Amino acid sequence: MHVEPHEDFERIAAGLEACLGRATAWEGWVYRSAAPRYSGDGDIVTGEGSRRMGGRWNSPGAFRTIYASLHPETAMKEALATFRYYGWSLHGAMPRVFRALDIRLGRVASLRHRRVREHLSPWLKASLKEDWRALQTLGRESTAQAIGRAAFRLGLEGILVPSHAARASTNLVAFPDNLLPGSQIRADK
């Protein structure tokens, strides 16, 4: 699917680049909720599904992205939000498999950090308001997708972002193709 790049991409990338000095190492457990057929080790840590289909922070065909939440409850809210968006029955979302991922990344930017928000303020606000799915259907890159693309191109391994389904919660968006030596994304056993 061809996606028209965001008109402010260069300004977004410049704003994020100005914040690279604030990128830090991040490690911990994060959580994913998946349908059983996509919950195996071969799917849960590859980011291939989001590369093919796109997601809030990456356009279809752009790059592999792993979406995870810092809390399992947020992972469930994110999954159910998709079903609600499309008007699908919630019982059709079941069963779900929750997987914990052990993450160690060396270069992560938090979009919740005050200084980062200052550099990206208008775009972060827009990313929380716009309907990225509708824009993607129209073949346009959403603001969040442009931020994700900028983060990927600047070599970040991930970004910490506000959850759209649970605004007080945080999600980790990881880019497996940008992993530095010593970094890892590993599923629980």
N, C-alpha and C. Protein backbone atom coordinates (compact mmCIF):
# COMPACT_ATOMS: atom_id res chain seq x y z
N MET A 1 0.84 -1.18 0.00
CA MET A 1 0.00 0.00 0.00
C MET A 1 0.89 1.24 0.00
N HIS A 2 0.67 2.12 -0.95
CA HIS A 2 1.40 3.39 -0.98
C HIS A 2 0.79 4.34 0.04
N VAL A 3 1.64 4.96 0.85
CA VAL A 3 1.20 5.93 1.85
C VAL A 3 1.89 7.26 1.57
N GLU A 4 1.10 8.29 1.43
CA GLU A 4 1.63 9.65 1.21
C GLU A 4 2.29 10.14 2.50
N PRO A 5 3.57 10.54 2.43
CA PRO A 5 4.27 10.99 3.64
C PRO A 5 3.60 12.20 4.28
N HIS A 6 3.73 12.29 5.57
CA HIS A 6 3.18 13.42 6.35
C HIS A 6 3.84 14.71 5.89
N GLU A 7 3.05 15.75 5.72
CA GLU A 7 3.57 17.02 5.22
C GLU A 7 4.59 17.67 6.15
N ASP A 8 4.55 17.38 7.44
CA ASP A 8 5.48 17.98 8.40
C ASP A 8 6.61 17.03 8.80
N PHE A 9 6.83 15.98 8.02
CA PHE A 9 7.81 14.97 8.44
C PHE A 9 9.17 15.57 8.74
N GLU A 10 9.69 16.43 7.90
CA GLU A 10 11.04 16.98 8.11
C GLU A 10 11.11 17.78 9.41
N ARG A 11 10.06 18.53 9.72
CA ARG A 11 10.03 19.30 10.97
C ARG A 11 9.91 18.37 12.17
N ILE A 12 9.11 17.31 12.04
CA ILE A 12 8.98 16.32 13.11
C ILE A 12 10.33 15.66 13.36
N ALA A 13 10.99 15.25 12.28
CA ALA A 13 12.30 14.59 12.41
C ALA A 13 13.32 15.52 13.05
N ALA A 14 13.30 16.80 12.68
CA ALA A 14 14.23 17.77 13.27
C ALA A 14 13.94 17.94 14.76
N GLY A 15 12.66 18.00 15.12
CA GLY A 15 12.30 18.13 16.53
C GLY A 15 12.74 16.93 17.34
N LEU A 16 12.56 15.75 16.79
CA LEU A 16 12.98 14.54 17.50
C LEU A 16 14.51 14.44 17.55
N GLU A 17 15.16 14.83 16.48
CA GLU A 17 16.62 14.79 16.46
C GLU A 17 17.21 15.69 17.55
N ALA A 18 16.56 16.81 17.80
CA ALA A 18 17.02 17.73 18.85
C ALA A 18 16.93 17.09 20.23
N CYS A 19 16.17 16.02 20.34
CA CYS A 19 15.97 15.35 21.63
C CYS A 19 16.81 14.09 21.79
N LEU A 20 17.61 13.74 20.80
CA LEU A 20 18.35 12.47 20.86
C LEU A 20 19.27 12.39 22.07
N GLY A 21 19.73 13.51 22.55
CA GLY A 21 20.57 13.51 23.75
C GLY A 21 19.82 13.03 24.99
N ARG A 22 18.52 13.01 24.93
CA ARG A 22 17.69 12.54 26.04
C ARG A 22 17.36 11.05 25.94
N ALA A 23 17.75 10.44 24.83
CA ALA A 23 17.51 9.00 24.68
C ALA A 23 18.36 8.26 25.70
N THR A 24 17.77 7.23 26.31
CA THR A 24 18.44 6.48 27.36
C THR A 24 18.24 4.99 27.15
N ALA A 25 18.96 4.22 27.93
CA ALA A 25 18.73 2.77 27.96
C ALA A 25 17.41 2.53 28.70
N TRP A 26 16.73 1.47 28.30
CA TRP A 26 15.49 1.09 28.98
C TRP A 26 15.44 -0.42 29.04
N GLU A 27 15.06 -0.94 30.20
CA GLU A 27 14.87 -2.37 30.29
C GLU A 27 13.74 -2.68 31.25
N GLY A 28 13.09 -3.79 31.00
CA GLY A 28 12.00 -4.22 31.86
C GLY A 28 11.11 -5.21 31.13
N TRP A 29 10.04 -5.57 31.79
CA TRP A 29 9.05 -6.47 31.21
C TRP A 29 7.93 -5.65 30.62
N VAL A 30 7.50 -6.03 29.44
CA VAL A 30 6.34 -5.41 28.80
C VAL A 30 5.39 -6.53 28.40
N TYR A 31 4.17 -6.15 27.99
CA TYR A 31 3.12 -7.14 27.76
C TYR A 31 2.44 -6.93 26.42
N ARG A 32 2.13 -8.06 25.79
CA ARG A 32 1.41 -8.04 24.53
C ARG A 32 0.19 -8.94 24.68
N SER A 33 -0.88 -8.55 24.02
CA SER A 33 -2.09 -9.36 23.94
C SER A 33 -2.27 -9.71 22.47
N ALA A 34 -2.42 -11.00 22.19
CA ALA A 34 -2.53 -11.44 20.80
C ALA A 34 -3.55 -12.56 20.69
N ALA A 35 -4.09 -12.71 19.50
CA ALA A 35 -4.92 -13.88 19.21
C ALA A 35 -4.01 -15.10 19.29
N PRO A 36 -4.54 -16.25 19.69
CA PRO A 36 -3.68 -17.44 19.84
C PRO A 36 -2.81 -17.75 18.63
N ARG A 37 -3.34 -17.58 17.42
CA ARG A 37 -2.55 -17.94 16.25
C ARG A 37 -1.36 -17.02 16.00
N TYR A 38 -1.34 -15.84 16.65
CA TYR A 38 -0.22 -14.91 16.52
C TYR A 38 0.60 -14.78 17.80
N SER A 39 0.41 -15.70 18.73
CA SER A 39 1.05 -15.55 20.04
C SER A 39 2.34 -16.36 20.19
N GLY A 40 2.72 -17.13 19.20
CA GLY A 40 3.95 -17.93 19.29
C GLY A 40 5.19 -17.07 19.19
N ASP A 41 6.32 -17.65 19.59
CA ASP A 41 7.59 -16.91 19.56
C ASP A 41 7.91 -16.37 18.17
N GLY A 42 7.49 -17.08 17.13
CA GLY A 42 7.77 -16.65 15.77
C GLY A 42 7.00 -15.41 15.34
N ASP A 43 5.95 -15.08 16.06
CA ASP A 43 5.15 -13.90 15.72
C ASP A 43 5.27 -12.78 16.75
N ILE A 44 5.29 -13.12 18.02
CA ILE A 44 5.11 -12.14 19.09
C ILE A 44 6.27 -11.14 19.20
N VAL A 45 7.47 -11.51 18.73
CA VAL A 45 8.62 -10.61 18.87
C VAL A 45 9.22 -10.16 17.54
N THR A 46 8.56 -10.46 16.43
CA THR A 46 9.16 -10.10 15.15
C THR A 46 8.78 -8.71 14.67
N GLY A 47 7.55 -8.27 14.94
CA GLY A 47 7.08 -7.00 14.41
C GLY A 47 6.66 -7.08 12.95
N GLU A 48 6.66 -8.29 12.41
CA GLU A 48 6.35 -8.47 10.99
C GLU A 48 4.89 -8.13 10.68
N GLY A 49 3.98 -8.48 11.59
CA GLY A 49 2.56 -8.17 11.35
C GLY A 49 2.31 -6.68 11.21
N SER A 50 2.93 -5.89 12.06
CA SER A 50 2.75 -4.44 11.96
C SER A 50 3.47 -3.88 10.74
N ARG A 51 4.56 -4.50 10.31
CA ARG A 51 5.21 -4.05 9.08
C ARG A 51 4.26 -4.24 7.90
N ARG A 52 3.59 -5.37 7.86
CA ARG A 52 2.66 -5.65 6.75
C ARG A 52 1.41 -4.77 6.82
N MET A 53 0.82 -4.67 8.01
CA MET A 53 -0.49 -4.03 8.15
C MET A 53 -0.43 -2.57 8.59
N GLY A 54 0.67 -2.17 9.19
CA GLY A 54 0.76 -0.83 9.75
C GLY A 54 0.21 -0.83 11.16
N GLY A 55 0.44 0.26 11.85
CA GLY A 55 -0.04 0.45 13.21
C GLY A 55 0.00 1.93 13.54
N ARG A 56 -0.34 2.27 14.75
CA ARG A 56 -0.38 3.68 15.14
C ARG A 56 0.94 4.39 14.84
N TRP A 57 2.08 3.73 15.05
CA TRP A 57 3.38 4.38 14.94
C TRP A 57 4.19 3.95 13.72
N ASN A 58 3.60 3.16 12.82
CA ASN A 58 4.30 2.79 11.57
C ASN A 58 3.30 2.53 10.46
N SER A 59 3.63 3.00 9.27
CA SER A 59 2.78 2.80 8.09
C SER A 59 2.97 1.39 7.53
N PRO A 60 1.99 0.88 6.79
CA PRO A 60 2.14 -0.44 6.19
C PRO A 60 3.36 -0.49 5.27
N GLY A 61 4.13 -1.57 5.40
CA GLY A 61 5.29 -1.77 4.54
C GLY A 61 6.53 -0.99 4.95
N ALA A 62 6.45 -0.17 5.98
CA ALA A 62 7.57 0.71 6.32
C ALA A 62 8.71 -0.01 7.04
N PHE A 63 8.45 -0.55 8.22
CA PHE A 63 9.48 -1.21 9.02
C PHE A 63 8.79 -2.02 10.11
N ARG A 64 9.53 -3.01 10.62
CA ARG A 64 8.97 -3.87 11.66
C ARG A 64 8.86 -3.10 12.97
N THR A 65 7.74 -3.30 13.65
CA THR A 65 7.48 -2.59 14.90
C THR A 65 6.79 -3.53 15.87
N ILE A 66 7.25 -3.53 17.10
CA ILE A 66 6.63 -4.33 18.16
C ILE A 66 5.92 -3.37 19.10
N TYR A 67 4.64 -3.60 19.28
CA TYR A 67 3.82 -2.79 20.18
C TYR A 67 3.61 -3.55 21.48
N ALA A 68 3.94 -2.93 22.60
CA ALA A 68 3.77 -3.57 23.90
C ALA A 68 3.39 -2.51 24.93
N SER A 69 2.84 -2.98 26.03
CA SER A 69 2.41 -2.09 27.11
C SER A 69 3.21 -2.37 28.37
N LEU A 70 3.38 -1.34 29.18
CA LEU A 70 4.13 -1.52 30.42
C LEU A 70 3.32 -2.28 31.47
N HIS A 71 2.00 -2.39 31.27
CA HIS A 71 1.13 -3.14 32.19
C HIS A 71 0.20 -4.05 31.38
N PRO A 72 -0.07 -5.27 31.88
CA PRO A 72 -0.93 -6.19 31.13
C PRO A 72 -2.34 -5.65 30.93
N GLU A 73 -2.85 -4.89 31.88
CA GLU A 73 -4.20 -4.33 31.74
C GLU A 73 -4.27 -3.38 30.54
N THR A 74 -3.20 -2.64 30.33
CA THR A 74 -3.16 -1.73 29.18
C THR A 74 -3.12 -2.51 27.88
N ALA A 75 -2.40 -3.62 27.86
CA ALA A 75 -2.35 -4.47 26.66
C ALA A 75 -3.76 -4.95 26.30
N MET A 76 -4.54 -5.33 27.30
CA MET A 76 -5.91 -5.77 27.03
C MET A 76 -6.76 -4.60 26.54
N LYS A 77 -6.63 -3.44 27.15
CA LYS A 77 -7.39 -2.27 26.71
C LYS A 77 -7.06 -1.90 25.27
N GLU A 78 -5.78 -2.00 24.90
CA GLU A 78 -5.38 -1.70 23.53
C GLU A 78 -6.04 -2.68 22.55
N ALA A 79 -6.03 -3.96 22.89
CA ALA A 79 -6.64 -4.97 22.01
C ALA A 79 -8.14 -4.73 21.86
N LEU A 80 -8.81 -4.49 22.97
CA LEU A 80 -10.25 -4.27 22.92
C LEU A 80 -10.61 -2.97 22.20
N ALA A 81 -9.75 -1.97 22.29
CA ALA A 81 -10.00 -0.70 21.59
C ALA A 81 -10.09 -0.92 20.09
N THR A 82 -9.28 -1.82 19.56
CA THR A 82 -9.33 -2.12 18.12
C THR A 82 -10.67 -2.74 17.76
N PHE A 83 -11.13 -3.68 18.55
CA PHE A 83 -12.42 -4.32 18.29
C PHE A 83 -13.55 -3.31 18.38
N ARG A 84 -13.49 -2.43 19.36
CA ARG A 84 -14.53 -1.40 19.50
C ARG A 84 -14.50 -0.44 18.32
N TYR A 85 -13.32 -0.06 17.87
CA TYR A 85 -13.19 0.87 16.75
C TYR A 85 -13.92 0.34 15.52
N TYR A 86 -13.72 -0.92 15.23
CA TYR A 86 -14.33 -1.51 14.04
C TYR A 86 -15.76 -2.01 14.27
N GLY A 87 -16.24 -1.90 15.50
CA GLY A 87 -17.59 -2.35 15.80
C GLY A 87 -17.72 -3.87 15.87
N TRP A 88 -16.60 -4.54 16.09
CA TRP A 88 -16.62 -6.00 16.20
C TRP A 88 -17.05 -6.38 17.61
N SER A 89 -17.65 -7.54 17.75
CA SER A 89 -18.09 -7.98 19.06
C SER A 89 -16.89 -8.26 19.96
N LEU A 90 -17.01 -7.88 21.21
CA LEU A 90 -15.91 -8.10 22.14
C LEU A 90 -15.71 -9.59 22.42
N HIS A 91 -16.81 -10.34 22.42
CA HIS A 91 -16.62 -11.78 22.65
C HIS A 91 -15.84 -12.41 21.48
N GLY A 92 -15.88 -11.77 20.31
CA GLY A 92 -15.11 -12.25 19.17
C GLY A 92 -13.61 -12.00 19.34
N ALA A 93 -13.26 -11.12 20.27
CA ALA A 93 -11.84 -10.85 20.55
C ALA A 93 -11.20 -11.97 21.36
N MET A 94 -12.05 -12.83 21.92
CA MET A 94 -11.55 -13.89 22.79
C MET A 94 -11.38 -15.18 22.01
N PRO A 95 -10.49 -16.04 22.40
CA PRO A 95 -9.57 -15.88 23.52
C PRO A 95 -8.38 -15.00 23.15
N ARG A 96 -7.71 -14.50 24.14
CA ARG A 96 -6.49 -13.71 23.99
C ARG A 96 -5.37 -14.42 24.73
N VAL A 97 -4.19 -14.28 24.24
CA VAL A 97 -3.01 -14.80 24.91
C VAL A 97 -2.16 -13.61 25.31
N PHE A 98 -1.78 -13.57 26.57
CA PHE A 98 -0.89 -12.52 27.05
C PHE A 98 0.52 -13.08 27.12
N ARG A 99 1.44 -12.33 26.56
CA ARG A 99 2.85 -12.72 26.61
C ARG A 99 3.64 -11.58 27.22
N ALA A 100 4.57 -11.94 28.07
CA ALA A 100 5.49 -10.97 28.64
C ALA A 100 6.77 -11.01 27.82
N LEU A 101 7.31 -9.84 27.54
CA LEU A 101 8.55 -9.73 26.79
C LEU A 101 9.61 -9.10 27.69
N ASP A 102 10.78 -9.70 27.71
CA ASP A 102 11.92 -9.17 28.44
C ASP A 102 12.68 -8.27 27.46
N ILE A 103 12.69 -6.99 27.75
CA ILE A 103 13.24 -6.00 26.84
C ILE A 103 14.48 -5.36 27.46
N ARG A 104 15.53 -5.25 26.66
CA ARG A 104 16.72 -4.48 27.03
C ARG A 104 17.13 -3.69 25.81
N LEU A 105 16.93 -2.39 25.89
CA LEU A 105 17.25 -1.51 24.77
C LEU A 105 18.23 -0.44 25.22
N GLY A 106 19.13 -0.05 24.34
CA GLY A 106 20.14 0.93 24.69
C GLY A 106 19.82 2.36 24.31
N ARG A 107 18.81 2.54 23.44
CA ARG A 107 18.56 3.89 22.94
C ARG A 107 17.06 4.09 22.73
N VAL A 108 16.40 4.60 23.76
CA VAL A 108 14.95 4.79 23.75
C VAL A 108 14.64 6.24 24.10
N ALA A 109 13.71 6.84 23.37
CA ALA A 109 13.25 8.20 23.68
C ALA A 109 11.85 8.10 24.27
N SER A 110 11.65 8.81 25.36
CA SER A 110 10.32 8.85 25.97
C SER A 110 9.58 10.09 25.47
N LEU A 111 8.48 9.86 24.79
CA LEU A 111 7.67 10.99 24.32
C LEU A 111 6.86 11.59 25.45
N ARG A 112 7.01 11.05 26.65
CA ARG A 112 6.39 11.61 27.85
C ARG A 112 7.33 12.57 28.57
N HIS A 113 8.60 12.58 28.20
CA HIS A 113 9.59 13.46 28.84
C HIS A 113 9.27 14.92 28.48
N ARG A 114 9.32 15.79 29.46
CA ARG A 114 8.93 17.19 29.28
C ARG A 114 9.69 17.86 28.13
N ARG A 115 10.99 17.68 28.05
CA ARG A 115 11.79 18.33 26.99
C ARG A 115 11.45 17.79 25.61
N VAL A 116 11.19 16.50 25.54
CA VAL A 116 10.80 15.91 24.25
C VAL A 116 9.44 16.46 23.84
N ARG A 117 8.52 16.53 24.80
CA ARG A 117 7.19 17.08 24.49
C ARG A 117 7.28 18.51 24.01
N GLU A 118 8.20 19.29 24.56
CA GLU A 118 8.37 20.68 24.12
C GLU A 118 8.75 20.75 22.64
N HIS A 119 9.62 19.86 22.20
CA HIS A 119 10.08 19.86 20.81
C HIS A 119 9.03 19.30 19.84
N LEU A 120 8.17 18.44 20.35
CA LEU A 120 7.20 17.76 19.47
C LEU A 120 5.75 18.12 19.80
N SER A 121 5.54 19.10 20.62
CA SER A 121 4.22 19.41 21.17
C SER A 121 3.06 19.41 20.17
N PRO A 122 3.12 20.19 19.09
CA PRO A 122 1.94 20.22 18.21
C PRO A 122 1.65 18.87 17.57
N TRP A 123 2.70 18.11 17.30
CA TRP A 123 2.51 16.82 16.63
C TRP A 123 2.06 15.76 17.61
N LEU A 124 2.54 15.82 18.85
CA LEU A 124 2.07 14.85 19.85
C LEU A 124 0.59 15.05 20.13
N LYS A 125 0.18 16.31 20.23
CA LYS A 125 -1.25 16.59 20.44
C LYS A 125 -2.07 16.08 19.27
N ALA A 126 -1.61 16.33 18.06
CA ALA A 126 -2.33 15.87 16.87
C ALA A 126 -2.39 14.35 16.83
N SER A 127 -1.31 13.69 17.25
CA SER A 127 -1.27 12.22 17.17
C SER A 127 -2.30 11.58 18.10
N LEU A 128 -2.65 12.26 19.17
CA LEU A 128 -3.64 11.72 20.10
C LEU A 128 -5.07 12.00 19.64
N LYS A 129 -5.24 12.97 18.77
CA LYS A 129 -6.59 13.36 18.32
C LYS A 129 -7.00 12.73 17.00
N GLU A 130 -6.06 12.52 16.11
CA GLU A 130 -6.44 12.07 14.77
C GLU A 130 -6.74 10.58 14.71
N ASP A 131 -7.49 10.20 13.72
CA ASP A 131 -7.86 8.81 13.48
C ASP A 131 -6.84 8.21 12.51
N TRP A 132 -5.79 7.61 13.05
CA TRP A 132 -4.71 7.10 12.21
C TRP A 132 -5.20 6.02 11.26
N ARG A 133 -6.17 5.22 11.68
CA ARG A 133 -6.68 4.15 10.81
C ARG A 133 -7.38 4.74 9.58
N ALA A 134 -8.18 5.77 9.79
CA ALA A 134 -8.87 6.40 8.67
C ALA A 134 -7.86 7.05 7.71
N LEU A 135 -6.86 7.72 8.26
CA LEU A 135 -5.84 8.33 7.42
C LEU A 135 -5.08 7.27 6.62
N GLN A 136 -4.75 6.17 7.29
CA GLN A 136 -4.05 5.08 6.60
C GLN A 136 -4.90 4.51 5.48
N THR A 137 -6.20 4.35 5.72
CA THR A 137 -7.10 3.85 4.68
C THR A 137 -7.12 4.79 3.48
N LEU A 138 -6.98 6.09 3.74
CA LEU A 138 -6.94 7.08 2.67
C LEU A 138 -5.56 7.18 2.00
N GLY A 139 -4.60 6.38 2.50
CA GLY A 139 -3.26 6.39 1.93
C GLY A 139 -2.39 7.52 2.41
N ARG A 140 -2.71 8.05 3.60
CA ARG A 140 -1.93 9.15 4.16
C ARG A 140 -1.24 8.71 5.45
N GLU A 141 -0.02 9.16 5.65
CA GLU A 141 0.71 8.86 6.87
C GLU A 141 0.17 9.73 8.00
N SER A 142 -0.20 9.12 9.12
CA SER A 142 -0.69 9.88 10.26
C SER A 142 0.48 10.57 10.96
N THR A 143 0.16 11.48 11.84
CA THR A 143 1.21 12.18 12.60
C THR A 143 2.00 11.20 13.45
N ALA A 144 1.32 10.29 14.13
CA ALA A 144 2.03 9.29 14.95
C ALA A 144 2.93 8.42 14.07
N GLN A 145 2.46 8.04 12.91
CA GLN A 145 3.29 7.24 12.00
C GLN A 145 4.52 8.02 11.55
N ALA A 146 4.37 9.33 11.34
CA ALA A 146 5.51 10.17 10.97
C ALA A 146 6.51 10.26 12.12
N ILE A 147 6.02 10.37 13.34
CA ILE A 147 6.91 10.39 14.51
C ILE A 147 7.65 9.06 14.61
N GLY A 148 6.92 7.96 14.44
CA GLY A 148 7.56 6.64 14.48
C GLY A 148 8.61 6.48 13.39
N ARG A 149 8.29 6.95 12.19
CA ARG A 149 9.25 6.86 11.08
C ARG A 149 10.50 7.68 11.38
N ALA A 150 10.31 8.87 11.96
CA ALA A 150 11.46 9.70 12.32
C ALA A 150 12.31 8.99 13.38
N ALA A 151 11.67 8.40 14.38
CA ALA A 151 12.40 7.69 15.43
C ALA A 151 13.18 6.53 14.83
N PHE A 152 12.56 5.78 13.93
CA PHE A 152 13.23 4.66 13.28
C PHE A 152 14.42 5.14 12.47
N ARG A 153 14.22 6.17 11.66
CA ARG A 153 15.30 6.67 10.80
C ARG A 153 16.45 7.28 11.59
N LEU A 154 16.15 7.80 12.78
CA LEU A 154 17.20 8.38 13.62
C LEU A 154 17.94 7.30 14.42
N GLY A 155 17.57 6.05 14.21
CA GLY A 155 18.27 4.94 14.85
C GLY A 155 17.85 4.60 16.25
N LEU A 156 16.75 5.16 16.71
CA LEU A 156 16.26 4.78 18.03
C LEU A 156 15.82 3.32 18.01
N GLU A 157 15.99 2.64 19.13
CA GLU A 157 15.53 1.26 19.24
C GLU A 157 14.07 1.20 19.66
N GLY A 158 13.58 2.29 20.23
CA GLY A 158 12.19 2.32 20.65
C GLY A 158 11.80 3.70 21.14
N ILE A 159 10.50 3.85 21.34
CA ILE A 159 9.94 5.07 21.92
C ILE A 159 8.90 4.67 22.96
N LEU A 160 8.89 5.39 24.05
CA LEU A 160 7.84 5.24 25.07
C LEU A 160 6.77 6.27 24.75
N VAL A 161 5.53 5.80 24.62
CA VAL A 161 4.45 6.66 24.14
C VAL A 161 3.23 6.52 25.04
N PRO A 162 2.38 7.55 25.08
CA PRO A 162 1.14 7.40 25.83
C PRO A 162 0.22 6.40 25.14
N SER A 163 -0.45 5.59 25.94
CA SER A 163 -1.44 4.67 25.39
C SER A 163 -2.64 5.46 24.93
N HIS A 164 -3.15 5.13 23.78
CA HIS A 164 -4.37 5.79 23.30
C HIS A 164 -5.59 5.21 24.01
N ALA A 165 -5.53 3.95 24.38
CA ALA A 165 -6.67 3.27 25.03
C ALA A 165 -6.74 3.57 26.52
N ALA A 166 -5.61 3.92 27.12
CA ALA A 166 -5.55 4.22 28.56
C ALA A 166 -4.54 5.35 28.72
N ARG A 167 -4.97 6.58 28.56
CA ARG A 167 -4.08 7.73 28.43
C ARG A 167 -3.05 7.89 29.55
N ALA A 168 -3.37 7.45 30.76
CA ALA A 168 -2.41 7.59 31.86
C ALA A 168 -1.34 6.50 31.79
N SER A 169 -1.52 5.52 30.93
CA SER A 169 -0.59 4.40 30.81
C SER A 169 0.41 4.64 29.67
N THR A 170 1.45 3.82 29.66
CA THR A 170 2.52 3.97 28.68
C THR A 170 2.71 2.68 27.89
N ASN A 171 2.98 2.85 26.62
CA ASN A 171 3.32 1.73 25.74
C ASN A 171 4.76 1.90 25.27
N LEU A 172 5.37 0.76 24.94
CA LEU A 172 6.68 0.76 24.33
C LEU A 172 6.52 0.34 22.88
N VAL A 173 7.06 1.15 21.98
CA VAL A 173 7.07 0.84 20.56
C VAL A 173 8.53 0.55 20.22
N ALA A 174 8.83 -0.71 19.88
CA ALA A 174 10.22 -1.11 19.64
C ALA A 174 10.45 -1.40 18.16
N PHE A 175 11.64 -1.09 17.71
CA PHE A 175 12.03 -1.29 16.31
C PHE A 175 13.13 -2.36 16.24
N PRO A 176 12.75 -3.63 16.03
CA PRO A 176 13.74 -4.71 16.08
C PRO A 176 14.87 -4.57 15.07
N ASP A 177 14.66 -3.89 13.97
CA ASP A 177 15.73 -3.74 12.98
C ASP A 177 16.79 -2.73 13.42
N ASN A 178 16.54 -2.00 14.50
CA ASN A 178 17.49 -1.00 15.00
C ASN A 178 18.23 -1.46 16.25
N LEU A 179 18.10 -2.74 16.63
CA LEU A 179 18.72 -3.18 17.88
C LEU A 179 20.23 -3.04 17.83
N LEU A 180 20.77 -2.48 18.90
CA LEU A 180 22.21 -2.32 19.06
C LEU A 180 22.79 -3.57 19.71
N PRO A 181 24.11 -3.78 19.59
CA PRO A 181 24.73 -4.92 20.28
C PRO A 181 24.39 -4.88 21.76
N GLY A 182 24.01 -6.00 22.32
CA GLY A 182 23.64 -6.09 23.73
C GLY A 182 22.17 -5.86 23.99
N SER A 183 21.43 -5.36 23.02
CA SER A 183 19.99 -5.16 23.19
C SER A 183 19.26 -6.46 22.89
N GLN A 184 18.06 -6.60 23.46
CA GLN A 184 17.29 -7.82 23.22
C GLN A 184 15.80 -7.57 23.37
N ILE A 185 15.05 -8.37 22.63
CA ILE A 185 13.60 -8.46 22.79
C ILE A 185 13.33 -9.96 22.83
N ARG A 186 12.97 -10.46 24.01
CA ARG A 186 12.83 -11.91 24.19
C ARG A 186 11.48 -12.22 24.84
N ALA A 187 10.78 -13.19 24.29
CA ALA A 187 9.50 -13.61 24.86
C ALA A 187 9.73 -14.48 26.08
N ASP A 188 8.79 -14.43 27.01
CA ASP A 188 8.83 -15.30 28.17
C ASP A 188 8.76 -16.76 27.74
N LYS A 189 9.11 -17.64 28.59
CA LYS A 189 9.03 -19.07 28.27
C LYS A 189 7.96 -19.73 29.08
